[in-house]
Amino acid sequence: MLASVQYYVQRMQHYEDYLSTQPTGLARRPHARHLLTARLTQALLNQTLKLGAYVQVSPAEGDYYLNTEASYSVLDPLTLNVGLNVYGGPSTTDLGQFKTNSNVYLVMRFGF
């Protein structure tokens, strides 16, 4: 199993200027956006089956993105993937604005 974790901060320069240009009632972005990401990957069945998950969370804003995927190599040139993308959180946040775009996908790849 392979695992990785990352902590990331985006800081807006000239935040006071940003605040002074915002109209009243409009949602304001935070001065610093904190993000946590994690990825887990597991290879099984002589590496013909690969399972993976990726999550990105902003604890202060309450938004998140989750991607899970299973990949199976049927033959050397043929691979099938099935996965899920889930977005969530308040609609005024970077990831929450995409929550209506959550989806399931199926991919068949043939390489030669």
C-alpha atoms as a PDB file:
ATOM      1  CA  MET A   1       0.000   0.000   0.000  1.00  0.00           C
ATOM      2  CA  LEU A   2       1.157   3.488  -0.827  1.00  0.00           C
ATOM      3  CA  ALA A   3      -0.043   6.472   1.215  1.00  0.00           C
ATOM      4  CA  SER A   4       0.714  10.177   1.079  1.00  0.00           C
ATOM      5  CA  VAL A   5      -0.552  13.234   2.967  1.00  0.00           C
ATOM      6  CA  GLN A   6      -0.077  16.931   2.265  1.00  0.00           C
ATOM      7  CA  TYR A   7      -0.908  20.172   4.100  1.00  0.00           C
ATOM      8  CA  TYR A   8      -1.160  23.221   1.847  1.00  0.00           C
ATOM      9  CA  VAL A   9      -1.905  26.914   2.504  1.00  0.00           C
ATOM     10  CA  GLN A  10      -2.990  29.513  -0.049  1.00  0.00           C
ATOM     11  CA  ARG A  11      -2.573  33.047   1.267  1.00  0.00           C
ATOM     12  CA  MET A  12      -4.077  36.064  -0.485  1.00  0.00           C
ATOM     13  CA  GLN A  13      -1.771  39.080  -0.757  1.00  0.00           C
ATOM     14  CA  HIS A  14      -3.245  42.560  -0.264  1.00  0.00           C
ATOM     15  CA  TYR A  15      -6.244  41.104   1.565  1.00  0.00           C
ATOM     16  CA  GLU A  16      -7.331  44.525   2.876  1.00  0.00           C
ATOM     17  CA  ASP A  17      -7.617  45.814  -0.707  1.00  0.00           C
ATOM     18  CA  TYR A  18      -9.723  42.765  -1.582  1.00  0.00           C
ATOM     19  CA  LEU A  19     -12.071  43.409   1.346  1.00  0.00           C
ATOM     20  CA  SER A  20     -12.492  47.076   0.454  1.00  0.00           C
ATOM     21  CA  THR A  21     -13.710  46.162  -3.062  1.00  0.00           C
ATOM     22  CA  GLN A  22     -16.291  43.563  -1.971  1.00  0.00           C
ATOM     23  CA  PRO A  23     -19.943  44.610  -2.135  1.00  0.00           C
ATOM     24  CA  THR A  24     -22.075  44.027   0.956  1.00  0.00           C
ATOM     25  CA  GLY A  25     -23.788  40.660   1.186  1.00  0.00           C
ATOM     26  CA  LEU A  26     -21.319  38.862  -1.078  1.00  0.00           C
ATOM     27  CA  ALA A  27     -19.496  35.852   0.415  1.00  0.00           C
ATOM     28  CA  ARG A  28     -15.883  36.706   1.193  1.00  0.00           C
ATOM     29  CA  ARG A  29     -12.887  34.477   0.692  1.00  0.00           C
ATOM     30  CA  PRO A  30     -10.689  33.857   3.750  1.00  0.00           C
ATOM     31  CA  HIS A  31      -7.269  35.475   4.038  1.00  0.00           C
ATOM     32  CA  ALA A  32      -5.656  32.018   4.078  1.00  0.00           C
ATOM     33  CA  ARG A  33      -7.155  28.795   2.688  1.00  0.00           C
ATOM     34  CA  HIS A  34      -5.907  25.632   4.416  1.00  0.00           C
ATOM     35  CA  LEU A  35      -6.059  22.350   2.478  1.00  0.00           C
ATOM     36  CA  LEU A  36      -5.388  18.793   3.559  1.00  0.00           C
ATOM     37  CA  THR A  37      -4.921  16.101   0.914  1.00  0.00           C
ATOM     38  CA  ALA A  38      -4.439  12.352   1.203  1.00  0.00           C
ATOM     39  CA  ARG A  39      -3.943   9.595  -1.347  1.00  0.00           C
ATOM     40  CA  LEU A  40      -4.085   5.827  -0.807  1.00  0.00           C
ATOM     41  CA  THR A  41      -3.188   3.293  -3.508  1.00  0.00           C
ATOM     42  CA  GLN A  42      -3.174  -0.489  -3.323  1.00  0.00           C
ATOM     43  CA  ALA A  43      -2.117  -2.954  -6.039  1.00  0.00           C
ATOM     44  CA  LEU A  44      -3.559  -6.477  -5.899  1.00  0.00           C
ATOM     45  CA  LEU A  45      -3.652  -9.664  -8.005  1.00  0.00           C
ATOM     46  CA  ASN A  46      -0.099  -9.323  -9.337  1.00  0.00           C
ATOM     47  CA  GLN A  47      -0.740  -5.607  -9.961  1.00  0.00           C
ATOM     48  CA  THR A  48      -3.599  -6.241 -12.397  1.00  0.00           C
ATOM     49  CA  LEU A  49      -6.088  -4.688  -9.959  1.00  0.00           C
ATOM     50  CA  LYS A  50      -5.352  -1.225  -8.557  1.00  0.00           C
ATOM     51  CA  LEU A  51      -7.527   0.503  -5.985  1.00  0.00           C
ATOM     52  CA  GLY A  52      -7.106   4.160  -5.175  1.00  0.00           C
ATOM     53  CA  ALA A  53      -8.637   7.005  -3.203  1.00  0.00           C
ATOM     54  CA  TYR A  54      -7.831  10.715  -3.119  1.00  0.00           C
ATOM     55  CA  VAL A  55      -9.418  13.265  -0.792  1.00  0.00           C
ATOM     56  CA  GLN A  56      -8.947  17.032  -0.561  1.00  0.00           C
ATOM     57  CA  VAL A  57     -10.499  18.878   2.396  1.00  0.00           C
ATOM     58  CA  SER A  58     -10.556  22.508   3.497  1.00  0.00           C
ATOM     59  CA  PRO A  59     -11.370  22.285   7.231  1.00  0.00           C
ATOM     60  CA  ALA A  60     -12.030  26.002   7.738  1.00  0.00           C
ATOM     61  CA  GLU A  61     -14.413  26.325   4.774  1.00  0.00           C
ATOM     62  CA  GLY A  62     -15.976  22.870   5.081  1.00  0.00           C
ATOM     63  CA  ASP A  63     -15.614  21.855   1.426  1.00  0.00           C
ATOM     64  CA  TYR A  64     -14.131  18.656   0.029  1.00  0.00           C
ATOM     65  CA  TYR A  65     -13.404  16.556  -3.061  1.00  0.00           C
ATOM     66  CA  LEU A  66     -13.249  12.751  -3.043  1.00  0.00           C
ATOM     67  CA  ASN A  67     -12.099  10.528  -5.922  1.00  0.00           C
ATOM     68  CA  THR A  68     -12.100   6.742  -5.713  1.00  0.00           C
ATOM     69  CA  GLU A  69     -11.051   4.475  -8.554  1.00  0.00           C
ATOM     70  CA  ALA A  70     -10.628   0.793  -9.352  1.00  0.00           C
ATOM     71  CA  SER A  71      -8.536  -0.195 -12.372  1.00  0.00           C
ATOM     72  CA  TYR A  72      -8.329  -3.724 -13.749  1.00  0.00           C
ATOM     73  CA  SER A  73      -5.935  -4.823 -16.479  1.00  0.00           C
ATOM     74  CA  VAL A  74      -7.950  -7.439 -18.396  1.00  0.00           C
ATOM     75  CA  LEU A  75      -5.134  -8.049 -20.890  1.00  0.00           C
ATOM     76  CA  ASP A  76      -1.842  -6.222 -21.388  1.00  0.00           C
ATOM     77  CA  PRO A  77      -3.357  -3.700 -23.830  1.00  0.00           C
ATOM     78  CA  LEU A  78      -6.875  -3.541 -22.278  1.00  0.00           C
ATOM     79  CA  THR A  79      -7.673  -1.763 -18.982  1.00  0.00           C
ATOM     80  CA  LEU A  80     -11.051  -1.053 -17.372  1.00  0.00           C
ATOM     81  CA  ASN A  81     -11.476   1.769 -14.846  1.00  0.00           C
ATOM     82  CA  VAL A  82     -14.482   2.646 -12.721  1.00  0.00           C
ATOM     83  CA  GLY A  83     -14.499   5.625 -10.409  1.00  0.00           C
ATOM     84  CA  LEU A  84     -16.426   8.177  -8.429  1.00  0.00           C
ATOM     85  CA  ASN A  85     -15.949  11.952  -8.070  1.00  0.00           C
ATOM     86  CA  VAL A  86     -17.768  13.615  -5.163  1.00  0.00           C
ATOM     87  CA  TYR A  87     -17.718  17.350  -4.414  1.00  0.00           C
ATOM     88  CA  GLY A  88     -19.304  18.866  -1.314  1.00  0.00           C
ATOM     89  CA  GLY A  89     -19.528  21.813   1.019  1.00  0.00           C
ATOM     90  CA  PRO A  90     -21.110  25.272   0.917  1.00  0.00           C
ATOM     91  CA  SER A  91     -21.766  26.486  -2.627  1.00  0.00           C
ATOM     92  CA  THR A  92     -19.680  29.633  -2.008  1.00  0.00           C
ATOM     93  CA  THR A  93     -16.429  27.640  -1.576  1.00  0.00           C
ATOM     94  CA  ASP A  94     -13.847  26.527  -4.138  1.00  0.00           C
ATOM     95  CA  LEU A  95     -14.884  22.858  -4.112  1.00  0.00           C
ATOM     96  CA  GLY A  96     -18.469  23.199  -2.885  1.00  0.00           C
ATOM     97  CA  GLN A  97     -19.461  25.145  -6.002  1.00  0.00           C
ATOM     98  CA  PHE A  98     -19.026  21.908  -7.979  1.00  0.00           C
ATOM     99  CA  LYS A  99     -21.230  19.671  -5.787  1.00  0.00           C
ATOM    100  CA  THR A 100     -23.835  19.317  -8.544  1.00  0.00           C
ATOM    101  CA  ASN A 101     -21.055  17.921 -10.782  1.00  0.00           C
ATOM    102  CA  SER A 102     -20.389  14.785  -8.699  1.00  0.00           C
ATOM    103  CA  ASN A 103     -20.279  11.759 -11.003  1.00  0.00           C
ATOM    104  CA  VAL A 104     -19.513   8.099 -11.589  1.00  0.00           C
ATOM    105  CA  TYR A 105     -17.370   7.110 -14.555  1.00  0.00           C
ATOM    106  CA  LEU A 106     -16.383   4.014 -16.504  1.00  0.00           C
ATOM    107  CA  VAL A 107     -13.384   4.006 -18.856  1.00  0.00           C
ATOM    108  CA  MET A 108     -12.081   1.320 -21.198  1.00  0.00           C
ATOM    109  CA  ARG A 109      -8.558   1.857 -22.543  1.00  0.00           C
ATOM    110  CA  PHE A 110      -6.885  -0.046 -25.320  1.00  0.00           C
ATOM    111  CA  GLY A 111      -3.221   0.654 -26.001  1.00  0.00           C
ATOM    112  CA  PHE A 112      -0.925  -0.848 -28.588  1.00  0.00           C
END
